[in-house]
Amino acid sequence: MIVYHFTLIIEGQADLDESQEFATDDAIMGQCPDCTLFRSGGSLHLMFDREAASLEKALASAVRDVADAGGFQISRVVLDGNPEAWCHVS
């Protein structure tokens, strides 16, 4: 298995108050212990180090885990910390 490094971005987080931010963070961290969270410009960034047989499986499982944490919708994926290598998720 290979460890894949990527960031999932959830937009629309600017209007959350502090208690909502904590609840969101706790829900995601409970479901995704292999990610680190940070907030920037109203977006929540989930930096993953996900072990999987392929990049496709790593991304699919991470997106599924984030959705299971509370129905959060991923807006973008950044690969290997390179903002030039990203895609929209629809």
PDB file of N, CA and C in Angstrom:
ATOM      1  N   MET A   1       0.847  -1.181   0.000  1.00  0.00           N
ATOM      2  CA  MET A   1       0.000   0.000   0.000  1.00  0.00           C
ATOM      3  C   MET A   1       0.892   1.244   0.000  1.00  0.00           C
ATOM      4  N   ILE A   2       0.359   2.292  -0.590  1.00  0.00           N
ATOM      5  CA  ILE A   2       1.066   3.561  -0.708  1.00  0.00           C
ATOM      6  C   ILE A   2       0.305   4.606   0.103  1.00  0.00           C
ATOM      7  N   VAL A   3       1.033   5.539   0.695  1.00  0.00           N
ATOM      8  CA  VAL A   3       0.401   6.655   1.391  1.00  0.00           C
ATOM      9  C   VAL A   3       0.302   7.822   0.411  1.00  0.00           C
ATOM     10  N   TYR A   4      -0.919   8.273   0.164  1.00  0.00           N
ATOM     11  CA  TYR A   4      -1.185   9.382  -0.756  1.00  0.00           C
ATOM     12  C   TYR A   4      -1.449  10.648   0.052  1.00  0.00           C
ATOM     13  N   HIS A   5      -0.897  11.764  -0.410  1.00  0.00           N
ATOM     14  CA  HIS A   5      -1.030  13.056   0.256  1.00  0.00           C
ATOM     15  C   HIS A   5      -1.896  13.960  -0.618  1.00  0.00           C
ATOM     16  N   PHE A   6      -2.973  14.458  -0.056  1.00  0.00           N
ATOM     17  CA  PHE A   6      -3.878  15.340  -0.796  1.00  0.00           C
ATOM     18  C   PHE A   6      -4.702  16.143   0.200  1.00  0.00           C
ATOM     19  N   THR A   7      -5.327  17.192  -0.301  1.00  0.00           N
ATOM     20  CA  THR A   7      -6.168  18.055   0.529  1.00  0.00           C
ATOM     21  C   THR A   7      -7.561  18.129  -0.073  1.00  0.00           C
ATOM     22  N   LEU A   8      -8.566  17.899   0.756  1.00  0.00           N
ATOM     23  CA  LEU A   8      -9.961  18.094   0.368  1.00  0.00           C
ATOM     24  C   LEU A   8     -10.403  19.435   0.936  1.00  0.00           C
ATOM     25  N   ILE A   9     -11.091  20.216   0.131  1.00  0.00           N
ATOM     26  CA  ILE A   9     -11.505  21.549   0.561  1.00  0.00           C
ATOM     27  C   ILE A   9     -13.029  21.628   0.593  1.00  0.00           C
ATOM     28  N   ILE A  10     -13.537  22.076   1.742  1.00  0.00           N
ATOM     29  CA  ILE A  10     -14.965  22.308   1.933  1.00  0.00           C
ATOM     30  C   ILE A  10     -15.154  23.815   2.011  1.00  0.00           C
ATOM     31  N   GLU A  11     -15.897  24.380   1.075  1.00  0.00           N
ATOM     32  CA  GLU A  11     -16.148  25.822   1.080  1.00  0.00           C
ATOM     33  C   GLU A  11     -17.435  26.120   1.841  1.00  0.00           C
ATOM     34  N   GLY A  12     -17.709  27.397   2.059  1.00  0.00           N
ATOM     35  CA  GLY A  12     -18.942  27.794   2.734  1.00  0.00           C
ATOM     36  C   GLY A  12     -18.880  27.667   4.238  1.00  0.00           C
ATOM     37  N   GLN A  13     -17.704  27.806   4.811  1.00  0.00           N
ATOM     38  CA  GLN A  13     -17.538  27.683   6.256  1.00  0.00           C
ATOM     39  C   GLN A  13     -17.402  29.037   6.951  1.00  0.00           C
ATOM     40  N   ALA A  14     -17.513  30.139   6.209  1.00  0.00           N
ATOM     41  CA  ALA A  14     -17.256  31.477   6.756  1.00  0.00           C
ATOM     42  C   ALA A  14     -18.276  31.904   7.803  1.00  0.00           C
ATOM     43  N   ASP A  15     -19.508  31.432   7.704  1.00  0.00           N
ATOM     44  CA  ASP A  15     -20.569  31.899   8.596  1.00  0.00           C
ATOM     45  C   ASP A  15     -20.725  31.069   9.866  1.00  0.00           C
ATOM     46  N   LEU A  16     -19.841  30.121  10.097  1.00  0.00           N
ATOM     47  CA  LEU A  16     -19.950  29.290  11.291  1.00  0.00           C
ATOM     48  C   LEU A  16     -19.445  30.042  12.513  1.00  0.00           C
ATOM     49  N   ASP A  17     -20.154  29.875  13.634  1.00  0.00           N
ATOM     50  CA  ASP A  17     -19.622  30.435  14.872  1.00  0.00           C
ATOM     51  C   ASP A  17     -18.633  29.429  15.470  1.00  0.00           C
ATOM     52  N   GLU A  18     -18.004  29.810  16.560  1.00  0.00           N
ATOM     53  CA  GLU A  18     -16.939  28.983  17.135  1.00  0.00           C
ATOM     54  C   GLU A  18     -17.430  27.594  17.534  1.00  0.00           C
ATOM     55  N   SER A  19     -18.623  27.505  18.125  1.00  0.00           N
ATOM     56  CA  SER A  19     -19.134  26.197  18.545  1.00  0.00           C
ATOM     57  C   SER A  19     -19.446  25.311  17.336  1.00  0.00           C
ATOM     58  N   GLN A  20     -19.934  25.921  16.245  1.00  0.00           N
ATOM     59  CA  GLN A  20     -20.182  25.149  15.020  1.00  0.00           C
ATOM     60  C   GLN A  20     -18.870  24.669  14.398  1.00  0.00           C
ATOM     61  N   GLU A  21     -17.835  25.514  14.452  1.00  0.00           N
ATOM     62  CA  GLU A  21     -16.526  25.097  13.944  1.00  0.00           C
ATOM     63  C   GLU A  21     -16.001  23.904  14.731  1.00  0.00           C
ATOM     64  N   PHE A  22     -16.091  23.970  16.071  1.00  0.00           N
ATOM     65  CA  PHE A  22     -15.623  22.862  16.903  1.00  0.00           C
ATOM     66  C   PHE A  22     -16.400  21.586  16.609  1.00  0.00           C
ATOM     67  N   ALA A  23     -17.720  21.699  16.462  1.00  0.00           N
ATOM     68  CA  ALA A  23     -18.545  20.520  16.173  1.00  0.00           C
ATOM     69  C   ALA A  23     -18.175  19.916  14.822  1.00  0.00           C
ATOM     70  N   THR A  24     -17.965  20.770  13.818  1.00  0.00           N
ATOM     71  CA  THR A  24     -17.558  20.298  12.491  1.00  0.00           C
ATOM     72  C   THR A  24     -16.212  19.601  12.567  1.00  0.00           C
ATOM     73  N   ASP A  25     -15.250  20.247  13.224  1.00  0.00           N
ATOM     74  CA  ASP A  25     -13.910  19.679  13.343  1.00  0.00           C
ATOM     75  C   ASP A  25     -13.943  18.334  14.063  1.00  0.00           C
ATOM     76  N   ASP A  26     -14.690  18.252  15.163  1.00  0.00           N
ATOM     77  CA  ASP A  26     -14.780  17.000  15.920  1.00  0.00           C
ATOM     78  C   ASP A  26     -15.405  15.887  15.093  1.00  0.00           C
ATOM     79  N   ALA A  27     -16.459  16.206  14.349  1.00  0.00           N
ATOM     80  CA  ALA A  27     -17.123  15.187  13.524  1.00  0.00           C
ATOM     81  C   ALA A  27     -16.174  14.650  12.463  1.00  0.00           C
ATOM     82  N   ILE A  28     -15.450  15.541  11.804  1.00  0.00           N
ATOM     83  CA  ILE A  28     -14.537  15.105  10.744  1.00  0.00           C
ATOM     84  C   ILE A  28     -13.356  14.344  11.325  1.00  0.00           C
ATOM     85  N   MET A  29     -12.770  14.848  12.403  1.00  0.00           N
ATOM     86  CA  MET A  29     -11.617  14.156  12.996  1.00  0.00           C
ATOM     87  C   MET A  29     -12.011  12.790  13.546  1.00  0.00           C
ATOM     88  N   GLY A  30     -13.236  12.661  14.022  1.00  0.00           N
ATOM     89  CA  GLY A  30     -13.700  11.365  14.499  1.00  0.00           C
ATOM     90  C   GLY A  30     -13.796  10.341  13.382  1.00  0.00           C
ATOM     91  N   GLN A  31     -14.123  10.792  12.193  1.00  0.00           N
ATOM     92  CA  GLN A  31     -14.275   9.907  11.035  1.00  0.00           C
ATOM     93  C   GLN A  31     -12.975   9.779  10.246  1.00  0.00           C
ATOM     94  N   CYS A  32     -12.103  10.770  10.326  1.00  0.00           N
ATOM     95  CA  CYS A  32     -10.893  10.835   9.480  1.00  0.00           C
ATOM     96  C   CYS A  32      -9.658  11.126  10.336  1.00  0.00           C
ATOM     97  N   PRO A  33      -9.201  10.164  11.121  1.00  0.00           N
ATOM     98  CA  PRO A  33      -8.050  10.425  11.988  1.00  0.00           C
ATOM     99  C   PRO A  33      -6.738  10.629  11.227  1.00  0.00           C
ATOM    100  N   ASP A  34      -6.732  10.360   9.923  1.00  0.00           N
ATOM    101  CA  ASP A  34      -5.513  10.529   9.123  1.00  0.00           C
ATOM    102  C   ASP A  34      -5.470  11.872   8.410  1.00  0.00           C
ATOM    103  N   CYS A  35      -6.243  12.845   8.898  1.00  0.00           N
ATOM    104  CA  CYS A  35      -6.193  14.174   8.272  1.00  0.00           C
ATOM    105  C   CYS A  35      -5.898  15.240   9.322  1.00  0.00           C
ATOM    106  N   THR A  36      -5.379  16.347   8.833  1.00  0.00           N
ATOM    107  CA  THR A  36      -5.122  17.534   9.640  1.00  0.00           C
ATOM    108  C   THR A  36      -6.004  18.645   9.086  1.00  0.00           C
ATOM    109  N   LEU A  37      -6.645  19.394   9.975  1.00  0.00           N
ATOM    110  CA  LEU A  37      -7.581  20.441   9.558  1.00  0.00           C
ATOM    111  C   LEU A  37      -6.968  21.821   9.712  1.00  0.00           C
ATOM    112  N   PHE A  38      -7.303  22.708   8.776  1.00  0.00           N
ATOM    113  CA  PHE A  38      -7.064  24.129   8.994  1.00  0.00           C
ATOM    114  C   PHE A  38      -8.088  24.923   8.207  1.00  0.00           C
ATOM    115  N   ARG A  39      -8.339  26.139   8.664  1.00  0.00           N
ATOM    116  CA  ARG A  39      -9.323  27.013   8.034  1.00  0.00           C
ATOM    117  C   ARG A  39      -8.607  28.192   7.388  1.00  0.00           C
ATOM    118  N   SER A  40      -9.101  28.573   6.211  1.00  0.00           N
ATOM    119  CA  SER A  40      -8.518  29.702   5.491  1.00  0.00           C
ATOM    120  C   SER A  40      -9.564  30.292   4.553  1.00  0.00           C
ATOM    121  N   GLY A  41      -9.794  31.587   4.667  1.00  0.00           N
ATOM    122  CA  GLY A  41     -10.690  32.279   3.752  1.00  0.00           C
ATOM    123  C   GLY A  41     -12.088  31.711   3.670  1.00  0.00           C
ATOM    124  N   GLY A  42     -12.637  31.248   4.783  1.00  0.00           N
ATOM    125  CA  GLY A  42     -13.985  30.705   4.787  1.00  0.00           C
ATOM    126  C   GLY A  42     -14.094  29.273   4.311  1.00  0.00           C
ATOM    127  N   SER A  43     -12.956  28.629   4.097  1.00  0.00           N
ATOM    128  CA  SER A  43     -12.943  27.225   3.661  1.00  0.00           C
ATOM    129  C   SER A  43     -12.261  26.368   4.716  1.00  0.00           C
ATOM    130  N   LEU A  44     -12.665  25.119   4.773  1.00  0.00           N
ATOM    131  CA  LEU A  44     -12.037  24.140   5.648  1.00  0.00           C
ATOM    132  C   LEU A  44     -11.175  23.231   4.784  1.00  0.00           C
ATOM    133  N   HIS A  45      -9.901  23.124   5.126  1.00  0.00           N
ATOM    134  CA  HIS A  45      -8.945  22.311   4.372  1.00  0.00           C
ATOM    135  C   HIS A  45      -8.631  21.057   5.183  1.00  0.00           C
ATOM    136  N   LEU A  46      -8.787  19.911   4.560  1.00  0.00           N
ATOM    137  CA  LEU A  46      -8.525  18.627   5.204  1.00  0.00           C
ATOM    138  C   LEU A  46      -7.323  18.002   4.510  1.00  0.00           C
ATOM    139  N   MET A  47      -6.175  18.037   5.161  1.00  0.00           N
ATOM    140  CA  MET A  47      -4.946  17.501   4.574  1.00  0.00           C
ATOM    141  C   MET A  47      -4.805  16.037   4.982  1.00  0.00           C
ATOM    142  N   PHE A  48      -4.854  15.154   3.997  1.00  0.00           N
ATOM    143  CA  PHE A  48      -4.839  13.719   4.236  1.00  0.00           C
ATOM    144  C   PHE A  48      -3.492  13.086   3.940  1.00  0.00           C
ATOM    145  N   ASP A  49      -3.165  12.076   4.716  1.00  0.00           N
ATOM    146  CA  ASP A  49      -2.115  11.102   4.442  1.00  0.00           C
ATOM    147  C   ASP A  49      -2.832   9.759   4.468  1.00  0.00           C
ATOM    148  N   ARG A  50      -3.400   9.370   3.330  1.00  0.00           N
ATOM    149  CA  ARG A  50      -4.297   8.214   3.258  1.00  0.00           C
ATOM    150  C   ARG A  50      -3.603   7.039   2.584  1.00  0.00           C
ATOM    151  N   GLU A  51      -3.554   5.919   3.273  1.00  0.00           N
ATOM    152  CA  GLU A  51      -2.968   4.699   2.723  1.00  0.00           C
ATOM    153  C   GLU A  51      -4.020   3.944   1.922  1.00  0.00           C
ATOM    154  N   ALA A  52      -3.658   3.577   0.694  1.00  0.00           N
ATOM    155  CA  ALA A  52      -4.592   2.854  -0.175  1.00  0.00           C
ATOM    156  C   ALA A  52      -3.819   2.190  -1.306  1.00  0.00           C
ATOM    157  N   ALA A  53      -4.507   1.328  -2.029  1.00  0.00           N
ATOM    158  CA  ALA A  53      -3.896   0.625  -3.159  1.00  0.00           C
ATOM    159  C   ALA A  53      -3.711   1.533  -4.369  1.00  0.00           C
ATOM    160  N   SER A  54      -4.497   2.629  -4.456  1.00  0.00           N
ATOM    161  CA  SER A  54      -4.380   3.555  -5.589  1.00  0.00           C
ATOM    162  C   SER A  54      -4.841   4.938  -5.142  1.00  0.00           C
ATOM    163  N   LEU A  55      -4.462   5.951  -5.908  1.00  0.00           N
ATOM    164  CA  LEU A  55      -4.913   7.312  -5.612  1.00  0.00           C
ATOM    165  C   LEU A  55      -6.433   7.392  -5.687  1.00  0.00           C
ATOM    166  N   GLU A  56      -7.011   6.739  -6.683  1.00  0.00           N
ATOM    167  CA  GLU A  56      -8.473   6.748  -6.828  1.00  0.00           C
ATOM    168  C   GLU A  56      -9.155   6.200  -5.580  1.00  0.00           C
ATOM    169  N   LYS A  57      -8.645   5.094  -5.044  1.00  0.00           N
ATOM    170  CA  LYS A  57      -9.244   4.506  -3.843  1.00  0.00           C
ATOM    171  C   LYS A  57      -9.022   5.386  -2.621  1.00  0.00           C
ATOM    172  N   ALA A  58      -7.857   6.021  -2.542  1.00  0.00           N
ATOM    173  CA  ALA A  58      -7.581   6.921  -1.421  1.00  0.00           C
ATOM    174  C   ALA A  58      -8.548   8.100  -1.430  1.00  0.00           C
ATOM    175  N   LEU A  59      -8.723   8.713  -2.597  1.00  0.00           N
ATOM    176  CA  LEU A  59      -9.638   9.852  -2.712  1.00  0.00           C
ATOM    177  C   LEU A  59     -11.080   9.448  -2.443  1.00  0.00           C
ATOM    178  N   ALA A  60     -11.506   8.333  -3.033  1.00  0.00           N
ATOM    179  CA  ALA A  60     -12.890   7.884  -2.860  1.00  0.00           C
ATOM    180  C   ALA A  60     -13.198   7.596  -1.396  1.00  0.00           C
ATOM    181  N   SER A  61     -12.280   6.941  -0.700  1.00  0.00           N
ATOM    182  CA  SER A  61     -12.541   6.617   0.701  1.00  0.00           C
ATOM    183  C   SER A  61     -12.532   7.877   1.571  1.00  0.00           C
ATOM    184  N   ALA A  62     -11.662   8.829   1.261  1.00  0.00           N
ATOM    185  CA  ALA A  62     -11.627  10.072   2.034  1.00  0.00           C
ATOM    186  C   ALA A  62     -12.903  10.885   1.824  1.00  0.00           C
ATOM    187  N   VAL A  63     -13.343  11.011   0.582  1.00  0.00           N
ATOM    188  CA  VAL A  63     -14.586  11.742   0.294  1.00  0.00           C
ATOM    189  C   VAL A  63     -15.766  11.066   0.990  1.00  0.00           C
ATOM    190  N   ARG A  64     -15.819   9.745   0.949  1.00  0.00           N
ATOM    191  CA  ARG A  64     -16.893   9.001   1.615  1.00  0.00           C
ATOM    192  C   ARG A  64     -16.845   9.227   3.131  1.00  0.00           C
ATOM    193  N   ASP A  65     -15.647   9.175   3.719  1.00  0.00           N
ATOM    194  CA  ASP A  65     -15.522   9.374   5.162  1.00  0.00           C
ATOM    195  C   ASP A  65     -15.958  10.779   5.578  1.00  0.00           C
ATOM    196  N   VAL A  66     -15.600  11.783   4.786  1.00  0.00           N
ATOM    197  CA  VAL A  66     -16.004  13.156   5.096  1.00  0.00           C
ATOM    198  C   VAL A  66     -17.523  13.292   4.988  1.00  0.00           C
ATOM    199  N   ALA A  67     -18.115  12.689   3.978  1.00  0.00           N
ATOM    200  CA  ALA A  67     -19.579  12.717   3.841  1.00  0.00           C
ATOM    201  C   ALA A  67     -20.240  12.012   5.023  1.00  0.00           C
ATOM    202  N   ASP A  68     -19.679  10.880   5.441  1.00  0.00           N
ATOM    203  CA  ASP A  68     -20.226  10.143   6.578  1.00  0.00           C
ATOM    204  C   ASP A  68     -20.108  10.925   7.887  1.00  0.00           C
ATOM    205  N   ALA A  69     -19.151  11.833   7.964  1.00  0.00           N
ATOM    206  CA  ALA A  69     -18.949  12.627   9.178  1.00  0.00           C
ATOM    207  C   ALA A  69     -20.054  13.655   9.386  1.00  0.00           C
ATOM    208  N   GLY A  70     -20.825  13.951   8.353  1.00  0.00           N
ATOM    209  CA  GLY A  70     -21.899  14.922   8.537  1.00  0.00           C
ATOM    210  C   GLY A  70     -22.459  15.475   7.252  1.00  0.00           C
ATOM    211  N   GLY A  71     -22.282  14.753   6.164  1.00  0.00           N
ATOM    212  CA  GLY A  71     -22.845  15.188   4.898  1.00  0.00           C
ATOM    213  C   GLY A  71     -22.115  16.354   4.256  1.00  0.00           C
ATOM    214  N   PHE A  72     -20.870  16.571   4.645  1.00  0.00           N
ATOM    215  CA  PHE A  72     -20.098  17.678   4.088  1.00  0.00           C
ATOM    216  C   PHE A  72     -19.805  17.424   2.616  1.00  0.00           C
ATOM    217  N   GLN A  73     -19.875  18.487   1.825  1.00  0.00           N
ATOM    218  CA  GLN A  73     -19.628  18.409   0.385  1.00  0.00           C
ATOM    219  C   GLN A  73     -18.240  18.957   0.075  1.00  0.00           C
ATOM    220  N   ILE A  74     -17.438  18.157  -0.581  1.00  0.00           N
ATOM    221  CA  ILE A  74     -16.101  18.565  -1.000  1.00  0.00           C
ATOM    222  C   ILE A  74     -16.233  19.412  -2.264  1.00  0.00           C
ATOM    223  N   SER A  75     -15.576  20.563  -2.289  1.00  0.00           N
ATOM    224  CA  SER A  75     -15.631  21.416  -3.481  1.00  0.00           C
ATOM    225  C   SER A  75     -14.394  21.276  -4.354  1.00  0.00           C
ATOM    226  N   ARG A  76     -13.242  20.981  -3.742  1.00  0.00           N
ATOM    227  CA  ARG A  76     -12.010  20.829  -4.524  1.00  0.00           C
ATOM    228  C   ARG A  76     -11.092  19.811  -3.877  1.00  0.00           C
ATOM    229  N   VAL A  77     -10.231  19.237  -4.716  1.00  0.00           N
ATOM    230  CA  VAL A  77      -9.184  18.329  -4.265  1.00  0.00           C
ATOM    231  C   VAL A  77      -7.858  18.896  -4.756  1.00  0.00           C
ATOM    232  N   VAL A  78      -6.889  19.039  -3.855  1.00  0.00           N
ATOM    233  CA  VAL A  78      -5.544  19.479  -4.220  1.00  0.00           C
ATOM    234  C   VAL A  78      -4.609  18.298  -3.985  1.00  0.00           C
ATOM    235  N   LEU A  79      -3.851  17.932  -5.003  1.00  0.00           N
ATOM    236  CA  LEU A  79      -2.967  16.771  -4.920  1.00  0.00           C
ATOM    237  C   LEU A  79      -1.570  17.172  -4.472  1.00  0.00           C
ATOM    238  N   ASP A  80      -1.031  16.443  -3.501  1.00  0.00           N
ATOM    239  CA  ASP A  80       0.347  16.625  -3.027  1.00  0.00           C
ATOM    240  C   ASP A  80       0.693  18.059  -2.660  1.00  0.00           C
ATOM    241  N   GLY A  81      -0.269  18.815  -2.157  1.00  0.00           N
ATOM    242  CA  GLY A  81       0.006  20.174  -1.737  1.00  0.00           C
ATOM    243  C   GLY A  81       0.288  21.142  -2.867  1.00  0.00           C
ATOM    244  N   ASN A  82       0.031  20.738  -4.101  1.00  0.00           N
ATOM    245  CA  ASN A  82       0.293  21.572  -5.270  1.00  0.00           C
ATOM    246  C   ASN A  82      -1.009  22.225  -5.716  1.00  0.00           C
ATOM    247  N   PRO A  83      -1.201  23.531  -5.450  1.00  0.00           N
ATOM    248  CA  PRO A  83      -2.464  24.170  -5.824  1.00  0.00           C
ATOM    249  C   PRO A  83      -2.713  24.193  -7.324  1.00  0.00           C
ATOM    250  N   GLU A  84      -1.697  23.917  -8.119  1.00  0.00           N
ATOM    251  CA  GLU A  84      -1.874  23.848  -9.572  1.00  0.00           C
ATOM    252  C   GLU A  84      -2.468  22.503  -9.995  1.00  0.00           C
ATOM    253  N   ALA A  85      -2.361  21.495  -9.136  1.00  0.00           N
ATOM    254  CA  ALA A  85      -2.859  20.147  -9.450  1.00  0.00           C
ATOM    255  C   ALA A  85      -4.117  19.894  -8.628  1.00  0.00           C
ATOM    256  N   TRP A  86      -5.244  20.362  -9.110  1.00  0.00           N
ATOM    257  CA  TRP A  86      -6.493  20.204  -8.374  1.00  0.00           C
ATOM    258  C   TRP A  86      -7.622  19.928  -9.344  1.00  0.00           C
ATOM    259  N   CYS A  87      -8.744  19.510  -8.791  1.00  0.00           N
ATOM    260  CA  CYS A  87      -9.924  19.281  -9.611  1.00  0.00           C
ATOM    261  C   CYS A  87     -11.155  19.628  -8.794  1.00  0.00           C
ATOM    262  N   HIS A  88     -12.220  20.010  -9.490  1.00  0.00           N
ATOM    263  CA  HIS A  88     -13.512  20.229  -8.839  1.00  0.00           C
ATOM    264  C   HIS A  88     -14.169  18.881  -8.622  1.00  0.00           C
ATOM    265  N   VAL A  89     -14.939  18.786  -7.574  1.00  0.00           N
ATOM    266  CA  VAL A  89     -15.712  17.585  -7.294  1.00  0.00           C
ATOM    267  C   VAL A  89     -17.170  17.941  -7.522  1.00  0.00           C
ATOM    268  N   SER A  90     -17.853  17.143  -8.339  1.00  0.00           N
ATOM    269  CA  SER A  90     -19.270  17.439  -8.588  1.00  0.00           C
ATOM    270  C   SER A  90     -20.138  16.279  -8.201  1.00  0.00           C
TER     271      SER A  90
END
